[in-house]
Amino acid sequence: MKKYLGSISFALIILVICFFTANITQVIHPGVTTFRVIMIFGIIITFSFSILSEKGLWRKLALGLSIFVGLVYFLAIELMRIVFQGNGF
């Protein structure tokens, strides 16, 4: 099973990226809570699977993408939500 965790993790992070893109481009309209839950759990599960997988190309790709998507999500979405909610928006 450890052999396939890297490719599974890569597929999951691609799905998370597609969900994020579909939400940003207004193709789908999930609620705020649904969006946050799917994004956070998707990033956490992808990161966990990529850490547990065997060393190799899929692990490097999945780990790099999950870290990048996690940073972009938390900086662009969560941090800006905190800043704008604190200023009365």
N, C-alpha and C. Protein backbone atom coordinates (compact mmCIF):
# COMPACT_ATOMS: atom_id res chain seq x y z
N MET A 1 0.82 -1.20 0.00
CA MET A 1 0.00 0.00 0.00
C MET A 1 0.86 1.26 0.00
N LYS A 2 2.00 1.20 0.66
CA LYS A 2 2.87 2.36 0.72
C LYS A 2 3.36 2.76 -0.67
N LYS A 3 3.40 1.78 -1.56
CA LYS A 3 3.87 2.02 -2.91
C LYS A 3 2.94 2.96 -3.67
N TYR A 4 1.65 2.87 -3.39
CA TYR A 4 0.67 3.65 -4.15
C TYR A 4 0.25 4.95 -3.47
N LEU A 5 0.68 5.20 -2.26
CA LEU A 5 0.26 6.41 -1.55
C LEU A 5 0.73 7.68 -2.25
N GLY A 6 1.88 7.65 -2.87
CA GLY A 6 2.37 8.83 -3.57
C GLY A 6 1.49 9.22 -4.74
N SER A 7 1.09 8.24 -5.55
CA SER A 7 0.23 8.54 -6.69
C SER A 7 -1.19 8.90 -6.24
N ILE A 8 -1.67 8.26 -5.16
CA ILE A 8 -2.98 8.62 -4.62
C ILE A 8 -2.94 10.06 -4.09
N SER A 9 -1.87 10.39 -3.41
CA SER A 9 -1.73 11.74 -2.88
C SER A 9 -1.67 12.78 -4.00
N PHE A 10 -0.97 12.45 -5.07
CA PHE A 10 -0.89 13.37 -6.21
C PHE A 10 -2.27 13.56 -6.84
N ALA A 11 -3.02 12.47 -6.98
CA ALA A 11 -4.38 12.57 -7.55
C ALA A 11 -5.29 13.41 -6.65
N LEU A 12 -5.17 13.23 -5.33
CA LEU A 12 -6.00 14.01 -4.41
C LEU A 12 -5.68 15.50 -4.46
N ILE A 13 -4.40 15.84 -4.56
CA ILE A 13 -4.06 17.27 -4.60
C ILE A 13 -4.51 17.90 -5.92
N ILE A 14 -4.52 17.13 -6.99
CA ILE A 14 -5.06 17.63 -8.26
C ILE A 14 -6.56 17.87 -8.12
N LEU A 15 -7.27 16.98 -7.43
CA LEU A 15 -8.70 17.18 -7.19
C LEU A 15 -8.96 18.41 -6.32
N VAL A 16 -8.13 18.63 -5.33
CA VAL A 16 -8.27 19.81 -4.48
C VAL A 16 -8.02 21.08 -5.29
N ILE A 17 -7.02 21.05 -6.16
CA ILE A 17 -6.74 22.21 -7.02
C ILE A 17 -7.92 22.47 -7.95
N CYS A 18 -8.50 21.41 -8.52
CA CYS A 18 -9.66 21.57 -9.41
C CYS A 18 -10.86 22.14 -8.65
N PHE A 19 -11.08 21.67 -7.43
CA PHE A 19 -12.18 22.20 -6.62
C PHE A 19 -11.96 23.68 -6.31
N PHE A 20 -10.74 24.04 -5.95
CA PHE A 20 -10.41 25.44 -5.66
C PHE A 20 -10.62 26.30 -6.90
N THR A 21 -10.16 25.83 -8.05
CA THR A 21 -10.30 26.58 -9.29
C THR A 21 -11.77 26.71 -9.69
N ALA A 22 -12.54 25.65 -9.54
CA ALA A 22 -13.96 25.71 -9.87
C ALA A 22 -14.70 26.68 -8.98
N ASN A 23 -14.30 26.77 -7.73
CA ASN A 23 -14.94 27.72 -6.82
C ASN A 23 -14.55 29.15 -7.16
N ILE A 24 -13.28 29.38 -7.45
CA ILE A 24 -12.82 30.73 -7.76
C ILE A 24 -13.46 31.25 -9.05
N THR A 25 -13.59 30.38 -10.06
CA THR A 25 -14.16 30.80 -11.34
C THR A 25 -15.69 30.75 -11.34
N GLN A 26 -16.30 30.48 -10.19
CA GLN A 26 -17.75 30.47 -10.01
C GLN A 26 -18.45 29.41 -10.84
N VAL A 27 -17.79 28.28 -11.10
CA VAL A 27 -18.44 27.16 -11.78
C VAL A 27 -19.35 26.44 -10.79
N ILE A 28 -18.89 26.29 -9.55
CA ILE A 28 -19.71 25.70 -8.50
C ILE A 28 -19.87 26.72 -7.38
N HIS A 29 -20.91 26.55 -6.59
CA HIS A 29 -21.18 27.49 -5.51
C HIS A 29 -21.41 26.75 -4.19
N PRO A 30 -20.36 26.19 -3.60
CA PRO A 30 -20.56 25.54 -2.30
C PRO A 30 -20.67 26.61 -1.21
N GLY A 31 -21.19 26.23 -0.09
CA GLY A 31 -21.24 27.16 1.03
C GLY A 31 -19.84 27.41 1.56
N VAL A 32 -19.71 28.44 2.35
CA VAL A 32 -18.40 28.80 2.89
C VAL A 32 -17.84 27.68 3.76
N THR A 33 -18.68 27.13 4.62
CA THR A 33 -18.23 26.06 5.50
C THR A 33 -17.83 24.82 4.71
N THR A 34 -18.62 24.47 3.71
CA THR A 34 -18.30 23.31 2.87
C THR A 34 -16.98 23.51 2.15
N PHE A 35 -16.77 24.70 1.61
CA PHE A 35 -15.53 25.00 0.92
C PHE A 35 -14.33 24.88 1.86
N ARG A 36 -14.44 25.46 3.04
CA ARG A 36 -13.33 25.41 3.98
C ARG A 36 -13.03 24.00 4.44
N VAL A 37 -14.07 23.21 4.73
CA VAL A 37 -13.88 21.83 5.20
C VAL A 37 -13.22 20.99 4.11
N ILE A 38 -13.70 21.07 2.88
CA ILE A 38 -13.13 20.28 1.80
C ILE A 38 -11.68 20.69 1.54
N MET A 39 -11.40 21.97 1.54
CA MET A 39 -10.02 22.41 1.28
C MET A 39 -9.07 21.99 2.40
N ILE A 40 -9.45 22.21 3.64
CA ILE A 40 -8.56 21.89 4.76
C ILE A 40 -8.34 20.39 4.87
N PHE A 41 -9.41 19.61 4.82
CA PHE A 41 -9.25 18.15 4.90
C PHE A 41 -8.50 17.60 3.70
N GLY A 42 -8.75 18.16 2.51
CA GLY A 42 -8.03 17.71 1.33
C GLY A 42 -6.54 17.96 1.43
N ILE A 43 -6.16 19.12 1.92
CA ILE A 43 -4.75 19.45 2.07
C ILE A 43 -4.10 18.59 3.15
N ILE A 44 -4.78 18.39 4.26
CA ILE A 44 -4.23 17.57 5.36
C ILE A 44 -4.08 16.12 4.92
N ILE A 45 -5.09 15.55 4.28
CA ILE A 45 -5.01 14.15 3.84
C ILE A 45 -3.93 13.98 2.79
N THR A 46 -3.84 14.90 1.85
CA THR A 46 -2.81 14.82 0.82
C THR A 46 -1.42 14.91 1.42
N PHE A 47 -1.23 15.82 2.34
CA PHE A 47 0.07 15.96 2.99
C PHE A 47 0.42 14.71 3.77
N SER A 48 -0.55 14.14 4.48
CA SER A 48 -0.31 12.92 5.26
C SER A 48 0.06 11.75 4.36
N PHE A 49 -0.69 11.56 3.28
CA PHE A 49 -0.39 10.47 2.36
C PHE A 49 0.98 10.64 1.72
N SER A 50 1.34 11.86 1.38
CA SER A 50 2.65 12.06 0.73
C SER A 50 3.80 11.85 1.71
N ILE A 51 3.60 12.15 2.98
CA ILE A 51 4.64 11.88 3.98
C ILE A 51 4.80 10.38 4.20
N LEU A 52 3.69 9.63 4.18
CA LEU A 52 3.73 8.20 4.44
C LEU A 52 4.15 7.35 3.24
N SER A 53 4.20 7.94 2.05
CA SER A 53 4.51 7.16 0.86
C SER A 53 6.02 6.89 0.74
N GLU A 54 6.34 5.98 -0.18
CA GLU A 54 7.74 5.66 -0.44
C GLU A 54 8.44 6.85 -1.08
N LYS A 55 9.75 6.88 -0.95
CA LYS A 55 10.52 7.94 -1.60
C LYS A 55 10.49 7.72 -3.11
N GLY A 56 10.38 8.80 -3.82
CA GLY A 56 10.34 8.71 -5.27
C GLY A 56 9.74 9.97 -5.88
N LEU A 57 9.52 9.90 -7.16
CA LEU A 57 9.01 11.05 -7.90
C LEU A 57 7.62 11.46 -7.45
N TRP A 58 6.71 10.50 -7.28
CA TRP A 58 5.34 10.83 -6.88
C TRP A 58 5.31 11.49 -5.50
N ARG A 59 6.16 11.03 -4.61
CA ARG A 59 6.20 11.63 -3.27
C ARG A 59 6.66 13.08 -3.36
N LYS A 60 7.71 13.33 -4.14
CA LYS A 60 8.22 14.70 -4.28
C LYS A 60 7.18 15.62 -4.90
N LEU A 61 6.52 15.14 -5.96
CA LEU A 61 5.49 15.96 -6.61
C LEU A 61 4.32 16.24 -5.67
N ALA A 62 3.83 15.21 -5.02
CA ALA A 62 2.67 15.37 -4.14
C ALA A 62 3.01 16.23 -2.93
N LEU A 63 4.18 16.02 -2.36
CA LEU A 63 4.58 16.80 -1.19
C LEU A 63 4.78 18.27 -1.55
N GLY A 64 5.43 18.52 -2.66
CA GLY A 64 5.63 19.90 -3.11
C GLY A 64 4.33 20.60 -3.42
N LEU A 65 3.45 19.92 -4.14
CA LEU A 65 2.16 20.53 -4.48
C LEU A 65 1.29 20.74 -3.25
N SER A 66 1.29 19.79 -2.33
CA SER A 66 0.45 19.96 -1.14
C SER A 66 0.95 21.10 -0.26
N ILE A 67 2.25 21.26 -0.15
CA ILE A 67 2.79 22.39 0.60
C ILE A 67 2.46 23.71 -0.09
N PHE A 68 2.62 23.75 -1.42
CA PHE A 68 2.33 24.97 -2.17
C PHE A 68 0.85 25.34 -2.07
N VAL A 69 -0.03 24.37 -2.30
CA VAL A 69 -1.47 24.64 -2.23
C VAL A 69 -1.88 25.03 -0.82
N GLY A 70 -1.30 24.36 0.18
CA GLY A 70 -1.60 24.70 1.57
C GLY A 70 -1.21 26.13 1.91
N LEU A 71 -0.01 26.53 1.49
CA LEU A 71 0.43 27.90 1.76
C LEU A 71 -0.42 28.92 1.03
N VAL A 72 -0.72 28.68 -0.24
CA VAL A 72 -1.55 29.60 -1.00
C VAL A 72 -2.94 29.70 -0.39
N TYR A 73 -3.52 28.56 -0.01
CA TYR A 73 -4.85 28.59 0.59
C TYR A 73 -4.86 29.36 1.90
N PHE A 74 -3.93 29.05 2.78
CA PHE A 74 -3.96 29.71 4.08
C PHE A 74 -3.59 31.18 4.01
N LEU A 75 -2.69 31.55 3.10
CA LEU A 75 -2.36 32.97 2.97
C LEU A 75 -3.45 33.73 2.22
N ALA A 76 -3.94 33.17 1.13
CA ALA A 76 -4.89 33.90 0.30
C ALA A 76 -6.31 33.88 0.85
N ILE A 77 -6.72 32.79 1.42
CA ILE A 77 -8.12 32.67 1.86
C ILE A 77 -8.27 32.93 3.35
N GLU A 78 -7.62 32.13 4.16
CA GLU A 78 -7.84 32.23 5.61
C GLU A 78 -7.27 33.52 6.21
N LEU A 79 -6.09 33.90 5.82
CA LEU A 79 -5.50 35.12 6.37
C LEU A 79 -6.28 36.36 5.94
N MET A 80 -6.69 36.39 4.68
CA MET A 80 -7.47 37.54 4.21
C MET A 80 -8.85 37.57 4.85
N ARG A 81 -9.43 36.39 5.13
CA ARG A 81 -10.72 36.35 5.83
C ARG A 81 -10.60 36.96 7.21
N ILE A 82 -9.53 36.62 7.91
CA ILE A 82 -9.30 37.15 9.26
C ILE A 82 -9.08 38.66 9.20
N VAL A 83 -8.30 39.13 8.23
CA VAL A 83 -8.02 40.57 8.11
C VAL A 83 -9.29 41.33 7.78
N PHE A 84 -10.08 40.84 6.82
CA PHE A 84 -11.28 41.59 6.42
C PHE A 84 -12.39 41.49 7.45
N GLN A 85 -12.54 40.37 8.14
CA GLN A 85 -13.57 40.27 9.18
C GLN A 85 -13.21 41.16 10.35
N GLY A 86 -11.95 41.31 10.64
CA GLY A 86 -11.53 42.16 11.75
C GLY A 86 -11.76 43.63 11.48
N ASN A 87 -11.83 44.00 10.19
CA ASN A 87 -12.02 45.41 9.82
C ASN A 87 -13.48 45.75 9.49
N GLY A 88 -14.39 44.85 9.80
CA GLY A 88 -15.81 45.15 9.63
C GLY A 88 -16.36 44.88 8.25
N PHE A 89 -15.68 44.15 7.41
CA PHE A 89 -16.21 43.84 6.07
C PHE A 89 -17.20 42.72 6.14
